[in-house]
Amino acid sequence: MASTFVIHARRDWTFQLVLLGSRLQLEGWCDGDPNRCSAWVDPTQTPHDVADQLMRQPSCCL
């Protein structure tokens, strides 16, 4: 299951929420860049907060 969204202040990034089992993962990618970043979303976090963190410090969760 996946849900895609864009943060209006950063239209060059696209984000996708992915439900993997019982965990929620946020994937993000910048337009024109084939690489995707990802991070786990904890129950206490909002997807927008995690997206902001990924834009500042791109990383990949395993």
PDB file of N, CA and C in Angstrom:
ATOM      1  N   MET A   1       0.841  -1.173   0.000  1.00  0.00           N
ATOM      2  CA  MET A   1       0.000   0.000   0.000  1.00  0.00           C
ATOM      3  C   MET A   1       0.886   1.237   0.000  1.00  0.00           C
ATOM      4  N   ALA A   2       0.584   2.223  -0.825  1.00  0.00           N
ATOM      5  CA  ALA A   2       1.403   3.426  -0.905  1.00  0.00           C
ATOM      6  C   ALA A   2       0.515   4.646  -1.131  1.00  0.00           C
ATOM      7  N   SER A   3       0.987   5.781  -0.644  1.00  0.00           N
ATOM      8  CA  SER A   3       0.296   7.058  -0.811  1.00  0.00           C
ATOM      9  C   SER A   3       1.347   8.118  -1.127  1.00  0.00           C
ATOM     10  N   THR A   4       1.189   8.861  -2.222  1.00  0.00           N
ATOM     11  CA  THR A   4       2.186   9.830  -2.665  1.00  0.00           C
ATOM     12  C   THR A   4       1.723  11.250  -2.339  1.00  0.00           C
ATOM     13  N   PHE A   5       2.681  12.118  -1.934  1.00  0.00           N
ATOM     14  CA  PHE A   5       2.356  13.517  -1.692  1.00  0.00           C
ATOM     15  C   PHE A   5       3.560  14.389  -1.998  1.00  0.00           C
ATOM     16  N   VAL A   6       3.309  15.686  -2.181  1.00  0.00           N
ATOM     17  CA  VAL A   6       4.343  16.682  -2.459  1.00  0.00           C
ATOM     18  C   VAL A   6       4.211  17.775  -1.414  1.00  0.00           C
ATOM     19  N   ILE A   7       5.328  18.277  -0.896  1.00  0.00           N
ATOM     20  CA  ILE A   7       5.312  19.419   0.005  1.00  0.00           C
ATOM     21  C   ILE A   7       5.377  20.663  -0.866  1.00  0.00           C
ATOM     22  N   HIS A   8       4.392  21.527  -0.729  1.00  0.00           N
ATOM     23  CA  HIS A   8       4.251  22.657  -1.659  1.00  0.00           C
ATOM     24  C   HIS A   8       5.447  23.596  -1.666  1.00  0.00           C
ATOM     25  N   ALA A   9       6.133  23.739  -0.546  1.00  0.00           N
ATOM     26  CA  ALA A   9       7.305  24.618  -0.512  1.00  0.00           C
ATOM     27  C   ALA A   9       8.476  24.010  -1.277  1.00  0.00           C
ATOM     28  N   ARG A  10       8.469  22.693  -1.456  1.00  0.00           N
ATOM     29  CA  ARG A  10       9.554  21.990  -2.147  1.00  0.00           C
ATOM     30  C   ARG A  10       8.970  21.099  -3.234  1.00  0.00           C
ATOM     31  N   ARG A  11       8.483  21.699  -4.280  1.00  0.00           N
ATOM     32  CA  ARG A  11       7.833  20.930  -5.349  1.00  0.00           C
ATOM     33  C   ARG A  11       8.808  20.063  -6.133  1.00  0.00           C
ATOM     34  N   ASP A  12      10.117  20.239  -5.932  1.00  0.00           N
ATOM     35  CA  ASP A  12      11.077  19.405  -6.645  1.00  0.00           C
ATOM     36  C   ASP A  12      11.238  18.034  -5.983  1.00  0.00           C
ATOM     37  N   TRP A  13      10.650  17.837  -4.816  1.00  0.00           N
ATOM     38  CA  TRP A  13      10.689  16.557  -4.117  1.00  0.00           C
ATOM     39  C   TRP A  13       9.307  15.910  -4.154  1.00  0.00           C
ATOM     40  N   THR A  14       9.294  14.581  -4.281  1.00  0.00           N
ATOM     41  CA  THR A  14       8.062  13.806  -4.186  1.00  0.00           C
ATOM     42  C   THR A  14       8.258  12.775  -3.091  1.00  0.00           C
ATOM     43  N   PHE A  15       7.213  12.533  -2.316  1.00  0.00           N
ATOM     44  CA  PHE A  15       7.285  11.589  -1.203  1.00  0.00           C
ATOM     45  C   PHE A  15       6.202  10.550  -1.329  1.00  0.00           C
ATOM     46  N   GLN A  16       6.495   9.381  -0.797  1.00  0.00           N
ATOM     47  CA  GLN A  16       5.547   8.279  -0.839  1.00  0.00           C
ATOM     48  C   GLN A  16       5.570   7.578   0.502  1.00  0.00           C
ATOM     49  N   LEU A  17       4.405   7.398   1.108  1.00  0.00           N
ATOM     50  CA  LEU A  17       4.283   6.613   2.334  1.00  0.00           C
ATOM     51  C   LEU A  17       4.022   5.176   1.938  1.00  0.00           C
ATOM     52  N   VAL A  18       4.792   4.262   2.508  1.00  0.00           N
ATOM     53  CA  VAL A  18       4.668   2.848   2.172  1.00  0.00           C
ATOM     54  C   VAL A  18       4.462   2.072   3.461  1.00  0.00           C
ATOM     55  N   LEU A  19       3.412   1.266   3.512  1.00  0.00           N
ATOM     56  CA  LEU A  19       3.148   0.420   4.663  1.00  0.00           C
ATOM     57  C   LEU A  19       3.807  -0.927   4.421  1.00  0.00           C
ATOM     58  N   LEU A  20       4.788  -1.260   5.248  1.00  0.00           N
ATOM     59  CA  LEU A  20       5.519  -2.527   5.133  1.00  0.00           C
ATOM     60  C   LEU A  20       5.243  -3.334   6.397  1.00  0.00           C
ATOM     61  N   GLY A  21       4.335  -4.288   6.295  1.00  0.00           N
ATOM     62  CA  GLY A  21       3.937  -5.037   7.481  1.00  0.00           C
ATOM     63  C   GLY A  21       3.225  -4.096   8.438  1.00  0.00           C
ATOM     64  N   SER A  22       3.789  -3.926   9.624  1.00  0.00           N
ATOM     65  CA  SER A  22       3.188  -3.027  10.609  1.00  0.00           C
ATOM     66  C   SER A  22       3.956  -1.716  10.735  1.00  0.00           C
ATOM     67  N   ARG A  23       4.933  -1.487   9.851  1.00  0.00           N
ATOM     68  CA  ARG A  23       5.750  -0.269   9.915  1.00  0.00           C
ATOM     69  C   ARG A  23       5.461   0.633   8.725  1.00  0.00           C
ATOM     70  N   LEU A  24       5.604   1.937   8.980  1.00  0.00           N
ATOM     71  CA  LEU A  24       5.386   2.934   7.944  1.00  0.00           C
ATOM     72  C   LEU A  24       6.728   3.510   7.515  1.00  0.00           C
ATOM     73  N   GLN A  25       6.989   3.491   6.224  1.00  0.00           N
ATOM     74  CA  GLN A  25       8.238   4.010   5.667  1.00  0.00           C
ATOM     75  C   GLN A  25       7.911   5.180   4.742  1.00  0.00           C
ATOM     76  N   LEU A  26       8.733   6.212   4.805  1.00  0.00           N
ATOM     77  CA  LEU A  26       8.603   7.353   3.913  1.00  0.00           C
ATOM     78  C   LEU A  26       9.742   7.283   2.904  1.00  0.00           C
ATOM     79  N   GLU A  27       9.394   7.293   1.611  1.00  0.00           N
ATOM     80  CA  GLU A  27      10.387   7.340   0.548  1.00  0.00           C
ATOM     81  C   GLU A  27      10.309   8.711  -0.096  1.00  0.00           C
ATOM     82  N   GLY A  28      11.453   9.276  -0.441  1.00  0.00           N
ATOM     83  CA  GLY A  28      11.483  10.580  -1.083  1.00  0.00           C
ATOM     84  C   GLY A  28      12.495  10.600  -2.203  1.00  0.00           C
ATOM     85  N   TRP A  29      12.191  11.366  -3.241  1.00  0.00           N
ATOM     86  CA  TRP A  29      13.123  11.513  -4.349  1.00  0.00           C
ATOM     87  C   TRP A  29      12.981  12.903  -4.936  1.00  0.00           C
ATOM     88  N   CYS A  30      14.098  13.395  -5.435  1.00  0.00           N
ATOM     89  CA  CYS A  30      14.154  14.721  -6.052  1.00  0.00           C
ATOM     90  C   CYS A  30      13.982  14.545  -7.558  1.00  0.00           C
ATOM     91  N   ASP A  31      13.233  15.427  -8.179  1.00  0.00           N
ATOM     92  CA  ASP A  31      13.008  15.337  -9.620  1.00  0.00           C
ATOM     93  C   ASP A  31      14.331  15.277 -10.367  1.00  0.00           C
ATOM     94  N   GLY A  32      14.451  14.350 -11.293  1.00  0.00           N
ATOM     95  CA  GLY A  32      15.650  14.214 -12.103  1.00  0.00           C
ATOM     96  C   GLY A  32      16.725  13.355 -11.467  1.00  0.00           C
ATOM     97  N   ASP A  33      16.535  12.930 -10.220  1.00  0.00           N
ATOM     98  CA  ASP A  33      17.517  12.092  -9.528  1.00  0.00           C
ATOM     99  C   ASP A  33      16.930  10.694  -9.374  1.00  0.00           C
ATOM    100  N   PRO A  34      17.579   9.671  -9.923  1.00  0.00           N
ATOM    101  CA  PRO A  34      17.015   8.322  -9.860  1.00  0.00           C
ATOM    102  C   PRO A  34      17.105   7.683  -8.473  1.00  0.00           C
ATOM    103  N   ASN A  35      17.893   8.261  -7.570  1.00  0.00           N
ATOM    104  CA  ASN A  35      18.062   7.687  -6.235  1.00  0.00           C
ATOM    105  C   ASN A  35      16.910   8.081  -5.323  1.00  0.00           C
ATOM    106  N   ARG A  36      16.513   7.139  -4.462  1.00  0.00           N
ATOM    107  CA  ARG A  36      15.450   7.394  -3.485  1.00  0.00           C
ATOM    108  C   ARG A  36      16.032   7.339  -2.083  1.00  0.00           C
ATOM    109  N   CYS A  37      15.526   8.229  -1.244  1.00  0.00           N
ATOM    110  CA  CYS A  37      15.883   8.236   0.169  1.00  0.00           C
ATOM    111  C   CYS A  37      14.706   7.631   0.924  1.00  0.00           C
ATOM    112  N   SER A  38      14.977   7.113   2.109  1.00  0.00           N
ATOM    113  CA  SER A  38      13.875   6.553   2.885  1.00  0.00           C
ATOM    114  C   SER A  38      14.175   6.644   4.373  1.00  0.00           C
ATOM    115  N   ALA A  39      13.108   6.636   5.154  1.00  0.00           N
ATOM    116  CA  ALA A  39      13.228   6.668   6.612  1.00  0.00           C
ATOM    117  C   ALA A  39      11.974   6.047   7.202  1.00  0.00           C
ATOM    118  N   TRP A  40      12.129   5.410   8.355  1.00  0.00           N
ATOM    119  CA  TRP A  40      10.977   4.876   9.072  1.00  0.00           C
ATOM    120  C   TRP A  40      10.244   6.031   9.736  1.00  0.00           C
ATOM    121  N   VAL A  41       8.932   5.961   9.781  1.00  0.00           N
ATOM    122  CA  VAL A  41       8.108   6.960  10.456  1.00  0.00           C
ATOM    123  C   VAL A  41       7.647   6.356  11.775  1.00  0.00           C
ATOM    124  N   ASP A  42       8.085   6.953  12.868  1.00  0.00           N
ATOM    125  CA  ASP A  42       7.667   6.497  14.196  1.00  0.00           C
ATOM    126  C   ASP A  42       6.251   6.997  14.471  1.00  0.00           C
ATOM    127  N   PRO A  43       5.522   6.310  15.357  1.00  0.00           N
ATOM    128  CA  PRO A  43       4.145   6.733  15.670  1.00  0.00           C
ATOM    129  C   PRO A  43       4.047   8.165  16.208  1.00  0.00           C
ATOM    130  N   THR A  44       5.125   8.683  16.776  1.00  0.00           N
ATOM    131  CA  THR A  44       5.097  10.036  17.338  1.00  0.00           C
ATOM    132  C   THR A  44       5.469  11.106  16.319  1.00  0.00           C
ATOM    133  N   GLN A  45       5.838  10.712  15.097  1.00  0.00           N
ATOM    134  CA  GLN A  45       6.269  11.651  14.068  1.00  0.00           C
ATOM    135  C   GLN A  45       5.183  11.846  13.014  1.00  0.00           C
ATOM    136  N   THR A  46       5.197  13.015  12.393  1.00  0.00           N
ATOM    137  CA  THR A  46       4.314  13.233  11.254  1.00  0.00           C
ATOM    138  C   THR A  46       5.112  12.973   9.974  1.00  0.00           C
ATOM    139  N   PRO A  47       4.464  12.542   8.911  1.00  0.00           N
ATOM    140  CA  PRO A  47       5.178  12.339   7.652  1.00  0.00           C
ATOM    141  C   PRO A  47       5.884  13.602   7.162  1.00  0.00           C
ATOM    142  N   HIS A  48       5.290  14.775   7.395  1.00  0.00           N
ATOM    143  CA  HIS A  48       5.926  16.020   6.967  1.00  0.00           C
ATOM    144  C   HIS A  48       7.222  16.282   7.729  1.00  0.00           C
ATOM    145  N   ASP A  49       7.263  15.942   9.010  1.00  0.00           N
ATOM    146  CA  ASP A  49       8.502  16.112   9.783  1.00  0.00           C
ATOM    147  C   ASP A  49       9.602  15.195   9.259  1.00  0.00           C
ATOM    148  N   VAL A  50       9.247  13.961   8.952  1.00  0.00           N
ATOM    149  CA  VAL A  50      10.228  13.003   8.427  1.00  0.00           C
ATOM    150  C   VAL A  50      10.676  13.439   7.033  1.00  0.00           C
ATOM    151  N   ALA A  51       9.758  13.959   6.227  1.00  0.00           N
ATOM    152  CA  ALA A  51      10.115  14.459   4.886  1.00  0.00           C
ATOM    153  C   ALA A  51      11.093  15.617   4.996  1.00  0.00           C
ATOM    154  N   ASP A  52      10.852  16.519   5.937  1.00  0.00           N
ATOM    155  CA  ASP A  52      11.761  17.650   6.139  1.00  0.00           C
ATOM    156  C   ASP A  52      13.151  17.155   6.532  1.00  0.00           C
ATOM    157  N   GLN A  53      13.208  16.149   7.380  1.00  0.00           N
ATOM    158  CA  GLN A  53      14.486  15.562   7.792  1.00  0.00           C
ATOM    159  C   GLN A  53      15.197  14.920   6.606  1.00  0.00           C
ATOM    160  N   LEU A  54      14.463  14.214   5.747  1.00  0.00           N
ATOM    161  CA  LEU A  54      15.073  13.583   4.571  1.00  0.00           C
ATOM    162  C   LEU A  54      15.623  14.614   3.593  1.00  0.00           C
ATOM    163  N   MET A  55      14.946  15.756   3.450  1.00  0.00           N
ATOM    164  CA  MET A  55      15.447  16.787   2.542  1.00  0.00           C
ATOM    165  C   MET A  55      16.727  17.402   3.079  1.00  0.00           C
ATOM    166  N   ARG A  56      16.817  17.550   4.411  1.00  0.00           N
ATOM    167  CA  ARG A  56      18.023  18.139   5.011  1.00  0.00           C
ATOM    168  C   ARG A  56      19.173  17.153   5.044  1.00  0.00           C
ATOM    169  N   GLN A  57      18.873  15.879   5.354  1.00  0.00           N
ATOM    170  CA  GLN A  57      19.909  14.835   5.470  1.00  0.00           C
ATOM    171  C   GLN A  57      19.420  13.570   4.778  1.00  0.00           C
ATOM    172  N   PRO A  58      19.612  13.477   3.477  1.00  0.00           N
ATOM    173  CA  PRO A  58      19.161  12.276   2.761  1.00  0.00           C
ATOM    174  C   PRO A  58      19.829  11.021   3.318  1.00  0.00           C
ATOM    175  N   SER A  59      19.028   9.983   3.511  1.00  0.00           N
ATOM    176  CA  SER A  59      19.531   8.715   4.038  1.00  0.00           C
ATOM    177  C   SER A  59      18.647   7.598   3.503  1.00  0.00           C
ATOM    178  N   CYS A  60      18.994   6.382   3.871  1.00  0.00           N
ATOM    179  CA  CYS A  60      18.213   5.225   3.443  1.00  0.00           C
ATOM    180  C   CYS A  60      18.097   4.268   4.614  1.00  0.00           C
ATOM    181  N   CYS A  61      16.865   3.850   4.921  1.00  0.00           N
ATOM    182  CA  CYS A  61      16.688   2.843   5.960  1.00  0.00           C
ATOM    183  C   CYS A  61      16.772   1.468   5.310  1.00  0.00           C
ATOM    184  N   LEU A  62      17.149   0.490   6.075  1.00  0.00           N
ATOM    185  CA  LEU A  62      17.286  -0.875   5.542  1.00  0.00           C
ATOM    186  C   LEU A  62      16.031  -1.668   5.813  1.00  0.00           C
TER     187      LEU A  62
END
